[in-house]
N, C-alpha and C. Protein backbone atom coordinates (compact mmCIF):
# COMPACT_ATOMS: atom_id res chain seq x y z
N MET A 1 16.92 0.49 -18.01
CA MET A 1 18.16 -0.17 -17.86
C MET A 1 18.93 0.41 -16.58
N SER A 2 19.07 -0.71 -15.66
CA SER A 2 19.92 -0.31 -14.40
C SER A 2 21.36 -0.58 -14.52
N PHE A 3 22.10 0.33 -13.80
CA PHE A 3 23.58 0.20 -14.01
C PHE A 3 24.08 -0.89 -13.04
N SER A 4 24.83 -1.89 -13.66
CA SER A 4 25.47 -2.98 -12.92
C SER A 4 26.80 -3.21 -13.66
N ASN A 5 27.57 -3.93 -13.02
CA ASN A 5 28.95 -4.17 -13.46
C ASN A 5 28.98 -5.30 -14.43
N VAL A 6 28.72 -5.07 -15.66
CA VAL A 6 28.59 -6.10 -16.71
C VAL A 6 29.94 -6.72 -16.98
N TYR A 7 31.03 -6.11 -16.41
CA TYR A 7 32.45 -6.69 -16.70
C TYR A 7 32.63 -7.88 -15.68
N ASP A 8 31.86 -7.99 -14.63
CA ASP A 8 32.02 -9.07 -13.69
C ASP A 8 31.41 -10.40 -14.26
N ASP A 9 31.96 -10.92 -15.26
CA ASP A 9 31.30 -11.98 -15.94
C ASP A 9 32.55 -12.89 -16.66
N ALA A 10 32.53 -14.10 -16.31
CA ALA A 10 33.49 -14.91 -16.71
C ALA A 10 33.71 -14.94 -18.20
N GLN A 11 32.54 -15.10 -19.02
CA GLN A 11 32.72 -15.16 -20.51
C GLN A 11 33.46 -13.79 -20.95
N ARG A 12 32.94 -12.59 -20.45
CA ARG A 12 33.49 -11.31 -20.85
C ARG A 12 34.97 -11.21 -20.42
N ALA A 13 35.25 -11.69 -19.25
CA ALA A 13 36.64 -11.56 -18.91
C ALA A 13 37.63 -12.46 -19.64
N GLN A 14 37.12 -13.69 -19.95
CA GLN A 14 37.83 -14.45 -20.80
C GLN A 14 38.13 -13.82 -22.19
N ALA A 15 37.24 -13.16 -22.85
CA ALA A 15 37.34 -12.48 -23.98
C ALA A 15 38.39 -11.38 -23.94
N TYR A 16 38.16 -10.49 -22.91
CA TYR A 16 39.07 -9.45 -22.47
C TYR A 16 40.44 -9.89 -22.19
N SER A 17 40.77 -10.96 -21.74
CA SER A 17 42.08 -11.39 -21.47
C SER A 17 42.84 -11.68 -22.69
N GLN A 18 42.18 -11.99 -23.85
CA GLN A 18 42.75 -12.21 -25.17
C GLN A 18 43.08 -10.98 -25.92
N LEU A 19 42.38 -9.79 -25.57
CA LEU A 19 42.41 -8.56 -26.20
C LEU A 19 43.85 -7.88 -26.13
N ASP A 20 44.32 -7.54 -27.20
CA ASP A 20 45.48 -6.86 -27.39
C ASP A 20 45.17 -5.39 -27.50
N PHE A 21 45.77 -4.65 -28.49
CA PHE A 21 45.52 -3.27 -28.72
C PHE A 21 45.19 -3.09 -30.28
N PRO A 22 44.08 -3.69 -30.76
CA PRO A 22 43.71 -3.39 -32.16
C PRO A 22 42.97 -2.26 -32.30
N GLY A 23 42.82 -1.81 -33.66
CA GLY A 23 41.92 -0.73 -34.01
C GLY A 23 41.88 0.55 -33.18
N THR A 24 40.72 0.95 -32.62
CA THR A 24 40.71 2.04 -31.88
C THR A 24 41.54 2.00 -30.58
N TYR A 25 41.74 0.88 -29.96
CA TYR A 25 42.65 0.80 -28.87
C TYR A 25 44.12 1.18 -29.16
N TYR A 26 44.51 0.86 -30.24
CA TYR A 26 45.85 1.11 -30.78
C TYR A 26 45.91 2.74 -30.59
N LEU A 27 44.95 3.42 -31.12
CA LEU A 27 45.05 4.81 -31.11
C LEU A 27 44.99 5.50 -29.75
N ALA A 28 44.38 4.78 -28.73
CA ALA A 28 44.19 5.16 -27.28
C ALA A 28 45.57 5.02 -26.52
N TYR A 29 46.38 3.91 -26.94
CA TYR A 29 47.54 3.66 -26.23
C TYR A 29 48.83 4.05 -26.97
N ARG A 30 48.74 4.31 -28.19
CA ARG A 30 49.85 4.62 -29.09
C ARG A 30 50.89 5.69 -28.56
N ASP A 31 50.39 6.68 -27.98
CA ASP A 31 51.14 7.87 -27.45
C ASP A 31 51.61 7.87 -26.06
N LEU A 32 51.15 6.69 -25.35
CA LEU A 32 51.31 6.71 -23.90
C LEU A 32 52.81 6.41 -23.42
N PRO A 33 53.47 5.62 -24.21
CA PRO A 33 54.98 5.42 -23.82
C PRO A 33 55.69 6.77 -23.71
N GLU A 34 55.53 7.58 -24.66
CA GLU A 34 56.13 8.93 -24.71
C GLU A 34 55.75 9.81 -23.63
N ILE A 35 54.31 9.90 -23.46
CA ILE A 35 53.84 10.66 -22.38
C ILE A 35 54.34 10.40 -21.03
N LEU A 36 54.25 8.96 -20.76
CA LEU A 36 54.67 8.50 -19.34
C LEU A 36 56.10 8.56 -19.33
N SER A 37 56.95 8.44 -20.24
CA SER A 37 58.39 8.72 -20.01
C SER A 37 58.75 10.17 -19.69
N ARG A 38 57.90 11.15 -20.31
CA ARG A 38 58.12 12.52 -19.94
C ARG A 38 57.61 12.96 -18.58
N GLN A 39 56.40 12.32 -18.30
CA GLN A 39 55.65 12.93 -17.10
C GLN A 39 55.84 12.16 -15.78
N VAL A 40 56.33 10.87 -15.87
CA VAL A 40 56.41 10.03 -14.53
C VAL A 40 57.88 9.65 -14.30
N HIS A 41 58.15 10.03 -13.08
CA HIS A 41 59.39 9.92 -12.63
C HIS A 41 59.59 8.90 -11.45
N GLY A 42 59.74 7.62 -11.90
CA GLY A 42 59.67 6.52 -10.93
C GLY A 42 59.17 5.38 -11.72
N ARG A 43 59.17 4.19 -11.08
CA ARG A 43 58.73 2.89 -11.79
C ARG A 43 57.64 2.26 -10.99
N LEU A 44 57.08 2.73 -9.94
CA LEU A 44 56.10 1.97 -9.28
C LEU A 44 54.71 2.49 -9.82
N ALA A 45 53.84 1.60 -10.30
CA ALA A 45 52.57 2.02 -10.92
C ALA A 45 51.35 1.28 -10.30
N LEU A 46 50.23 1.81 -10.34
CA LEU A 46 49.01 1.16 -9.88
C LEU A 46 48.05 1.28 -11.06
N ASP A 47 47.61 0.02 -11.51
CA ASP A 47 46.70 0.06 -12.52
C ASP A 47 45.19 -0.12 -12.00
N PHE A 48 44.51 1.04 -11.85
CA PHE A 48 43.10 1.21 -11.23
C PHE A 48 42.23 0.58 -12.22
N GLY A 49 41.29 -0.35 -11.89
CA GLY A 49 40.48 -1.02 -12.87
C GLY A 49 41.22 -1.82 -14.04
N CYS A 50 42.15 -2.61 -13.57
CA CYS A 50 42.91 -3.28 -14.33
C CYS A 50 42.18 -4.31 -15.27
N GLY A 51 41.08 -4.59 -15.05
CA GLY A 51 40.26 -5.73 -15.75
C GLY A 51 40.96 -6.95 -15.85
N ALA A 52 41.23 -7.42 -17.13
CA ALA A 52 41.84 -8.69 -17.28
C ALA A 52 43.47 -8.47 -17.42
N GLY A 53 43.82 -7.40 -17.06
CA GLY A 53 45.28 -7.18 -16.97
C GLY A 53 45.94 -6.65 -18.23
N ARG A 54 45.21 -6.31 -19.29
CA ARG A 54 45.79 -5.90 -20.53
C ARG A 54 46.65 -4.61 -20.29
N SER A 55 46.12 -3.54 -19.55
CA SER A 55 46.87 -2.30 -19.20
C SER A 55 47.97 -2.59 -18.21
N THR A 56 47.78 -3.51 -17.47
CA THR A 56 48.96 -3.87 -16.48
C THR A 56 50.02 -4.47 -17.18
N ARG A 57 49.78 -5.40 -18.10
CA ARG A 57 50.94 -6.02 -18.80
C ARG A 57 51.58 -4.89 -19.80
N PHE A 58 50.81 -4.01 -20.19
CA PHE A 58 51.23 -2.90 -21.24
C PHE A 58 52.32 -2.10 -20.18
N LEU A 59 51.84 -1.76 -19.04
CA LEU A 59 52.72 -0.82 -18.21
C LEU A 59 53.99 -1.65 -17.92
N GLU A 60 53.86 -2.93 -17.64
CA GLU A 60 55.07 -3.90 -17.38
C GLU A 60 56.06 -3.74 -18.59
N THR A 61 55.54 -3.81 -19.76
CA THR A 61 56.38 -3.69 -21.08
C THR A 61 57.28 -2.31 -21.11
N LEU A 62 56.72 -1.36 -20.32
CA LEU A 62 57.37 -0.08 -20.28
C LEU A 62 58.24 0.03 -19.12
N ASN A 63 58.53 -1.05 -18.37
CA ASN A 63 59.23 -1.18 -17.27
C ASN A 63 58.85 -0.65 -15.93
N PHE A 64 57.57 -0.58 -15.72
CA PHE A 64 56.90 -0.31 -14.52
C PHE A 64 56.80 -1.60 -13.70
N GLU A 65 56.92 -1.50 -12.41
CA GLU A 65 56.46 -2.42 -11.46
C GLU A 65 55.08 -2.22 -11.16
N VAL A 66 54.16 -2.98 -11.62
CA VAL A 66 52.69 -2.77 -11.63
C VAL A 66 51.96 -3.62 -10.59
N VAL A 67 50.90 -2.94 -9.97
CA VAL A 67 49.87 -3.64 -9.19
C VAL A 67 48.75 -3.41 -9.77
N GLY A 68 47.83 -4.36 -10.06
CA GLY A 68 46.66 -4.10 -10.76
C GLY A 68 45.37 -4.41 -9.79
N ILE A 69 44.47 -3.69 -9.66
CA ILE A 69 43.32 -3.66 -8.85
C ILE A 69 41.92 -3.55 -9.73
N ASP A 70 41.00 -4.23 -9.14
CA ASP A 70 39.80 -4.20 -9.96
C ASP A 70 38.78 -4.60 -9.04
N ILE A 71 37.47 -4.28 -9.16
CA ILE A 71 36.33 -4.74 -8.40
C ILE A 71 35.59 -5.94 -9.01
N SER A 72 36.11 -6.40 -10.10
CA SER A 72 35.45 -7.56 -10.73
C SER A 72 36.32 -8.79 -10.45
N ASN A 73 35.79 -9.82 -9.70
CA ASN A 73 36.28 -10.90 -9.47
C ASN A 73 36.70 -11.80 -10.76
N SER A 74 35.68 -11.70 -11.61
CA SER A 74 36.03 -12.59 -12.96
C SER A 74 37.25 -11.83 -13.69
N MET A 75 37.36 -10.58 -13.62
CA MET A 75 38.48 -10.02 -14.43
C MET A 75 39.81 -10.16 -13.59
N VAL A 76 39.78 -10.03 -12.33
CA VAL A 76 40.94 -10.27 -11.65
C VAL A 76 41.41 -11.65 -11.74
N ASP A 77 40.47 -12.77 -11.76
CA ASP A 77 40.94 -14.17 -11.96
C ASP A 77 41.52 -14.33 -13.48
N ALA A 78 40.89 -13.56 -14.52
CA ALA A 78 41.43 -13.57 -15.78
C ALA A 78 42.79 -12.99 -15.83
N ALA A 79 43.02 -11.93 -15.14
CA ALA A 79 44.21 -11.28 -15.20
C ALA A 79 45.31 -12.25 -14.60
N LYS A 80 45.17 -12.84 -13.47
CA LYS A 80 46.05 -13.68 -12.80
C LYS A 80 46.45 -14.95 -13.74
N SER A 81 45.28 -15.33 -14.52
CA SER A 81 45.43 -16.57 -15.50
C SER A 81 46.52 -16.01 -16.68
N ALA A 82 46.37 -14.87 -17.22
CA ALA A 82 47.02 -14.46 -18.25
C ALA A 82 48.38 -13.99 -17.91
N ASP A 83 48.70 -13.56 -16.55
CA ASP A 83 49.90 -13.15 -16.15
C ASP A 83 50.13 -13.45 -14.76
N PRO A 84 50.52 -14.88 -14.51
CA PRO A 84 50.64 -15.48 -13.29
C PRO A 84 51.82 -14.86 -12.36
N GLN A 85 52.67 -14.14 -12.91
CA GLN A 85 53.79 -13.47 -12.19
C GLN A 85 53.25 -12.13 -11.84
N GLY A 86 52.22 -11.65 -12.24
CA GLY A 86 51.79 -10.21 -12.05
C GLY A 86 51.09 -10.19 -10.62
N GLU A 87 50.95 -8.99 -10.10
CA GLU A 87 50.28 -8.78 -8.84
C GLU A 87 48.91 -8.02 -8.98
N TYR A 88 47.78 -8.90 -8.71
CA TYR A 88 46.48 -8.39 -8.95
C TYR A 88 45.67 -8.64 -7.71
N HIS A 89 44.71 -7.58 -7.39
CA HIS A 89 43.95 -7.82 -6.25
C HIS A 89 42.54 -7.32 -6.56
N LEU A 90 41.67 -7.99 -5.84
CA LEU A 90 40.33 -7.61 -5.89
C LEU A 90 40.10 -6.66 -4.82
N VAL A 91 39.36 -5.55 -5.06
CA VAL A 91 39.02 -4.58 -4.01
C VAL A 91 37.59 -4.29 -4.22
N SER A 92 37.07 -3.86 -2.93
CA SER A 92 35.73 -3.34 -3.02
C SER A 92 35.79 -1.82 -3.70
N ASP A 93 34.61 -1.37 -4.00
CA ASP A 93 34.53 0.00 -4.81
C ASP A 93 35.02 0.95 -3.85
N GLY A 94 36.11 1.45 -4.28
CA GLY A 94 36.70 2.82 -3.59
C GLY A 94 37.43 2.47 -2.33
N GLU A 95 37.72 1.22 -2.10
CA GLU A 95 38.32 0.75 -0.87
C GLU A 95 39.70 0.24 -1.11
N PHE A 96 40.79 0.80 -0.66
CA PHE A 96 42.04 0.44 -1.04
C PHE A 96 43.10 -0.21 -0.08
N SER A 97 42.50 -0.61 0.97
CA SER A 97 43.28 -1.05 2.22
C SER A 97 44.36 -2.11 1.98
N VAL A 98 44.02 -2.81 0.89
CA VAL A 98 45.07 -3.80 0.37
C VAL A 98 46.40 -3.06 0.09
N LEU A 99 46.44 -1.88 -0.29
CA LEU A 99 47.49 -1.01 -0.80
C LEU A 99 48.01 -0.19 0.42
N GLU A 100 47.61 -0.60 1.56
CA GLU A 100 47.98 0.45 2.80
C GLU A 100 49.56 0.44 2.91
N GLY A 101 50.10 1.58 3.10
CA GLY A 101 51.58 1.84 3.22
C GLY A 101 52.36 1.92 1.85
N ARG A 102 51.52 1.65 0.81
CA ARG A 102 52.21 1.69 -0.55
C ARG A 102 52.06 2.96 -1.17
N ARG A 103 53.02 3.56 -1.90
CA ARG A 103 52.91 4.71 -2.80
C ARG A 103 53.37 4.58 -4.14
N PHE A 104 52.71 5.10 -5.08
CA PHE A 104 52.92 4.97 -6.54
C PHE A 104 53.39 6.19 -7.19
N ASP A 105 54.26 5.95 -8.09
CA ASP A 105 54.80 7.02 -9.04
C ASP A 105 53.74 7.30 -10.19
N LEU A 106 52.91 6.37 -10.58
CA LEU A 106 51.91 6.51 -11.52
C LEU A 106 50.70 5.73 -11.15
N ILE A 107 49.54 6.29 -11.20
CA ILE A 107 48.32 5.60 -11.12
C ILE A 107 47.57 5.77 -12.37
N PHE A 108 47.31 4.66 -13.11
CA PHE A 108 46.89 4.68 -14.44
C PHE A 108 45.47 4.13 -14.51
N LEU A 109 44.47 4.83 -15.14
CA LEU A 109 43.12 4.52 -15.12
C LEU A 109 42.64 4.29 -16.68
N GLY A 110 42.79 3.08 -17.02
CA GLY A 110 42.51 2.80 -18.64
C GLY A 110 41.27 2.66 -18.74
N PHE A 111 40.29 3.55 -19.12
CA PHE A 111 38.79 3.40 -19.26
C PHE A 111 38.06 3.11 -18.08
N ALA A 112 38.63 3.07 -16.91
CA ALA A 112 37.99 2.70 -15.60
C ALA A 112 36.85 3.80 -15.22
N PHE A 113 37.11 5.01 -15.53
CA PHE A 113 36.11 6.06 -15.16
C PHE A 113 35.00 6.01 -16.11
N ASP A 114 34.86 5.23 -17.12
CA ASP A 114 33.77 5.04 -18.00
C ASP A 114 32.67 4.18 -17.25
N ASN A 115 32.96 3.76 -16.10
CA ASN A 115 32.10 2.77 -15.45
C ASN A 115 31.81 3.15 -13.97
N ILE A 116 32.13 4.40 -13.67
CA ILE A 116 31.99 5.01 -12.15
C ILE A 116 30.79 5.89 -12.21
N PRO A 117 29.59 5.62 -11.53
CA PRO A 117 28.51 6.49 -11.63
C PRO A 117 28.76 7.55 -10.60
N GLY A 118 28.16 8.58 -10.92
CA GLY A 118 28.01 9.85 -10.09
C GLY A 118 29.26 10.85 -10.02
N ALA A 119 29.15 12.03 -10.23
CA ALA A 119 30.30 12.95 -10.12
C ALA A 119 30.99 12.97 -8.82
N GLU A 120 30.06 12.89 -7.81
CA GLU A 120 30.64 13.04 -6.35
C GLU A 120 31.53 11.81 -6.07
N TRP A 121 31.02 10.68 -6.50
CA TRP A 121 31.68 9.37 -6.30
C TRP A 121 33.13 9.38 -7.05
N ARG A 122 33.01 9.91 -8.16
CA ARG A 122 34.30 9.94 -9.04
C ARG A 122 35.21 10.84 -8.43
N ALA A 123 34.81 11.85 -7.84
CA ALA A 123 35.69 12.84 -7.07
C ALA A 123 36.16 12.31 -5.97
N THR A 124 35.44 11.40 -5.17
CA THR A 124 35.92 10.79 -3.95
C THR A 124 36.87 9.68 -4.27
N VAL A 125 36.70 9.05 -5.38
CA VAL A 125 37.67 7.95 -5.81
C VAL A 125 38.95 8.55 -6.39
N LEU A 126 38.84 9.68 -6.89
CA LEU A 126 40.10 10.32 -7.36
C LEU A 126 40.77 10.96 -6.09
N SER A 127 40.11 11.33 -5.25
CA SER A 127 40.82 11.83 -3.77
C SER A 127 41.51 10.74 -3.07
N ARG A 128 40.95 9.58 -2.96
CA ARG A 128 41.39 8.42 -2.42
C ARG A 128 42.72 7.98 -3.05
N LEU A 129 42.59 7.91 -4.53
CA LEU A 129 43.74 7.66 -5.29
C LEU A 129 44.78 8.42 -5.09
N SER A 130 44.62 9.81 -5.03
CA SER A 130 45.65 10.70 -4.95
C SER A 130 46.50 10.49 -3.64
N ALA A 131 45.89 10.02 -2.57
CA ALA A 131 46.60 9.74 -1.39
C ALA A 131 47.48 8.59 -1.47
N LEU A 132 47.46 7.89 -2.61
CA LEU A 132 48.20 6.84 -2.77
C LEU A 132 49.60 7.08 -3.61
N LEU A 133 49.67 8.37 -4.11
CA LEU A 133 50.85 8.89 -4.90
C LEU A 133 51.95 9.26 -4.15
N THR A 134 53.19 9.05 -4.67
CA THR A 134 54.32 9.68 -4.16
C THR A 134 54.33 11.15 -4.29
N GLU A 135 55.22 11.93 -3.81
CA GLU A 135 55.30 13.31 -3.70
C GLU A 135 55.25 13.91 -5.24
N THR A 136 55.90 13.19 -6.18
CA THR A 136 55.96 13.65 -7.74
C THR A 136 55.04 12.75 -8.46
N GLY A 137 54.34 11.83 -7.88
CA GLY A 137 53.48 10.95 -8.64
C GLY A 137 52.36 11.75 -9.61
N ARG A 138 51.94 10.79 -10.62
CA ARG A 138 50.95 11.41 -11.47
C ARG A 138 49.75 10.32 -11.60
N ILE A 139 48.71 10.86 -11.75
CA ILE A 139 47.60 10.11 -12.19
C ILE A 139 47.08 10.44 -13.70
N VAL A 140 47.15 9.22 -14.35
CA VAL A 140 46.97 9.46 -15.80
C VAL A 140 45.59 8.64 -16.25
N ILE A 141 44.63 9.35 -16.68
CA ILE A 141 43.24 8.88 -16.95
C ILE A 141 43.14 8.75 -18.53
N LEU A 142 42.86 7.59 -19.00
CA LEU A 142 42.61 7.39 -20.29
C LEU A 142 41.12 7.10 -20.28
N GLY A 143 40.24 7.87 -21.00
CA GLY A 143 38.92 7.85 -20.94
C GLY A 143 38.26 7.98 -22.31
N SER A 144 37.16 7.59 -22.47
CA SER A 144 36.27 7.60 -23.71
C SER A 144 35.70 9.05 -23.81
N THR A 145 35.78 9.69 -25.05
CA THR A 145 34.97 10.88 -25.13
C THR A 145 33.46 10.50 -25.51
N PRO A 146 32.47 11.51 -25.21
CA PRO A 146 31.30 11.05 -25.64
C PRO A 146 31.08 10.68 -27.18
N GLU A 147 31.86 11.03 -28.03
CA GLU A 147 31.73 10.55 -29.39
C GLU A 147 31.91 9.18 -29.75
N ILE A 148 32.58 8.42 -28.76
CA ILE A 148 32.69 7.03 -28.90
C ILE A 148 31.41 6.21 -28.84
N TYR A 149 30.49 6.83 -28.11
CA TYR A 149 29.17 6.26 -28.00
C TYR A 149 28.04 6.68 -28.97
N THR A 150 28.50 7.62 -29.96
CA THR A 150 27.58 7.94 -30.85
C THR A 150 27.93 7.85 -32.35
N HIS A 151 29.15 7.28 -32.67
CA HIS A 151 29.71 7.13 -33.92
C HIS A 151 30.15 5.61 -34.11
N GLU A 152 30.40 5.31 -35.30
CA GLU A 152 31.09 3.90 -35.60
C GLU A 152 32.54 4.00 -35.59
N TRP A 153 33.28 2.86 -35.07
CA TRP A 153 34.80 2.99 -34.89
C TRP A 153 35.19 1.59 -35.31
N ALA A 154 36.54 1.59 -35.51
CA ALA A 154 37.16 0.20 -35.85
C ALA A 154 37.01 -0.78 -34.93
N SER A 155 36.87 -0.43 -33.56
CA SER A 155 36.73 -1.52 -32.51
C SER A 155 35.41 -1.38 -31.80
N PHE A 156 34.41 -0.46 -32.08
CA PHE A 156 33.23 -0.30 -31.43
C PHE A 156 32.00 -0.09 -32.46
N THR A 157 30.81 -0.54 -32.19
CA THR A 157 29.70 -0.09 -32.83
C THR A 157 28.54 0.36 -31.75
N THR A 158 27.86 1.19 -32.28
CA THR A 158 26.69 1.97 -31.45
C THR A 158 25.46 2.02 -32.38
N LYS A 159 25.54 1.57 -33.40
CA LYS A 159 24.41 1.57 -34.42
C LYS A 159 23.02 1.08 -33.90
N ASP A 160 23.06 0.09 -32.92
CA ASP A 160 21.82 -0.44 -32.30
C ASP A 160 21.41 0.34 -31.14
N PHE A 161 22.07 1.46 -30.77
CA PHE A 161 21.61 2.17 -29.58
C PHE A 161 21.46 3.81 -29.92
N PRO A 162 20.44 4.16 -30.64
CA PRO A 162 20.34 5.62 -31.07
C PRO A 162 20.13 6.27 -29.78
N GLN A 163 19.57 5.71 -28.74
CA GLN A 163 19.37 6.59 -27.52
C GLN A 163 20.58 7.15 -26.97
N ASN A 164 21.86 6.56 -27.30
CA ASN A 164 23.10 7.21 -26.78
C ASN A 164 23.04 8.61 -27.20
N ARG A 165 22.56 9.01 -28.50
CA ARG A 165 22.74 10.42 -28.92
C ARG A 165 22.08 11.49 -28.04
N SER A 166 21.09 11.21 -27.29
CA SER A 166 20.43 12.11 -26.44
C SER A 166 20.84 11.93 -25.05
N ALA A 167 21.89 11.02 -24.53
CA ALA A 167 22.28 10.83 -23.24
C ALA A 167 22.97 12.10 -22.72
N ARG A 168 22.59 12.33 -21.43
CA ARG A 168 23.33 13.41 -20.75
C ARG A 168 24.28 12.90 -19.78
N GLY A 169 25.17 13.85 -19.42
CA GLY A 169 26.42 13.37 -18.57
C GLY A 169 25.94 12.59 -17.31
N GLY A 170 26.68 11.49 -17.23
CA GLY A 170 26.36 10.56 -16.13
C GLY A 170 25.39 9.60 -16.31
N GLN A 171 24.78 9.44 -17.56
CA GLN A 171 23.65 8.59 -17.90
C GLN A 171 24.38 7.36 -18.65
N MET A 172 23.58 6.33 -18.52
CA MET A 172 23.97 5.03 -19.13
C MET A 172 23.94 4.98 -20.69
N VAL A 173 25.06 4.38 -21.16
CA VAL A 173 24.90 4.14 -22.68
C VAL A 173 25.49 2.83 -23.03
N GLN A 174 25.06 2.36 -24.21
CA GLN A 174 25.52 0.94 -24.51
C GLN A 174 26.48 1.07 -25.86
N ILE A 175 27.34 0.00 -25.86
CA ILE A 175 28.32 -0.11 -26.97
C ILE A 175 28.71 -1.52 -27.09
N VAL A 176 28.98 -1.76 -28.24
CA VAL A 176 29.39 -3.30 -28.64
C VAL A 176 30.84 -3.27 -29.08
N MET A 177 31.65 -4.06 -28.49
CA MET A 177 33.06 -4.23 -28.95
C MET A 177 33.14 -5.25 -30.01
N LYS A 178 33.82 -4.75 -31.08
CA LYS A 178 33.98 -5.66 -32.38
C LYS A 178 35.25 -6.43 -32.38
N ASP A 179 36.08 -6.26 -31.29
CA ASP A 179 37.41 -7.00 -31.39
C ASP A 179 37.40 -8.25 -30.42
N VAL A 180 36.25 -8.65 -29.89
CA VAL A 180 36.25 -9.70 -28.97
C VAL A 180 35.07 -10.64 -29.47
N PRO A 181 35.13 -11.72 -29.21
CA PRO A 181 34.10 -12.70 -29.60
C PRO A 181 32.75 -12.46 -28.76
N ASP A 182 32.82 -11.90 -27.71
CA ASP A 182 31.63 -11.59 -26.87
C ASP A 182 30.91 -10.35 -27.40
N SER A 183 29.94 -10.59 -28.15
CA SER A 183 29.18 -9.41 -28.75
C SER A 183 28.02 -8.87 -27.95
N ARG A 184 28.00 -9.14 -26.71
CA ARG A 184 26.98 -8.64 -25.87
C ARG A 184 27.41 -7.14 -25.57
N PRO A 185 26.35 -6.30 -25.59
CA PRO A 185 26.61 -4.75 -25.26
C PRO A 185 27.27 -4.62 -23.88
N VAL A 186 28.10 -3.69 -23.75
CA VAL A 186 28.50 -3.21 -22.36
C VAL A 186 27.63 -2.01 -22.13
N VAL A 187 27.60 -1.61 -20.82
CA VAL A 187 26.91 -0.45 -20.40
C VAL A 187 28.02 0.36 -19.63
N ASP A 188 28.27 1.50 -20.27
CA ASP A 188 29.11 2.58 -19.65
C ASP A 188 28.29 3.73 -19.32
N LEU A 189 28.99 4.73 -18.76
CA LEU A 189 28.44 6.03 -18.45
C LEU A 189 29.04 7.15 -19.38
N ILE A 190 28.37 7.89 -19.88
CA ILE A 190 28.83 8.94 -20.82
C ILE A 190 29.20 10.30 -19.82
N TRP A 191 30.20 10.78 -20.09
CA TRP A 191 30.65 12.09 -19.35
C TRP A 191 31.18 13.04 -20.29
N PHE A 192 30.77 14.40 -20.09
CA PHE A 192 31.37 15.41 -20.98
C PHE A 192 32.18 16.27 -20.03
N HIS A 193 33.16 16.95 -20.69
CA HIS A 193 34.09 17.69 -20.07
C HIS A 193 33.53 18.89 -19.43
């Protein structure tokens, strides 16, 4: 299995654009309003890896002025369709020149790091993102724990991928989302703390 961006797919993007916060996603996002209200001082936010715009729209409901960026053309197109008033940009991997001169109080990564290969590249991306922060800005990373790839959940199944149980940090794993009509497995990278 070679790693590729399985999210740059029009059918998958359409399914994601309809996704709200059911099941396991509810648990992931449930406490964010309180955390962000305590930790973030300012209203300018960047949604890194915005996908079809679900987390961008979530941040907008919390009164952030949000810019969404993603490397998937299909996902950015779906985000723009679902949120025509929103600001979304297609970017190259790790290249943020479209944001030149802008600074953010919050940079939010909602499961985006589950798809970035290589510890060095992950560190580079974080360093580049930190350069986009205001003086008191915060980066908030919402990521999957290794257990998401080895157990059954309300929103995910891994029963068809027993090889996930022996995966080491940085290796590819597969998972199927149960909350969307697109039941093709997605390929993520498993990371341990």
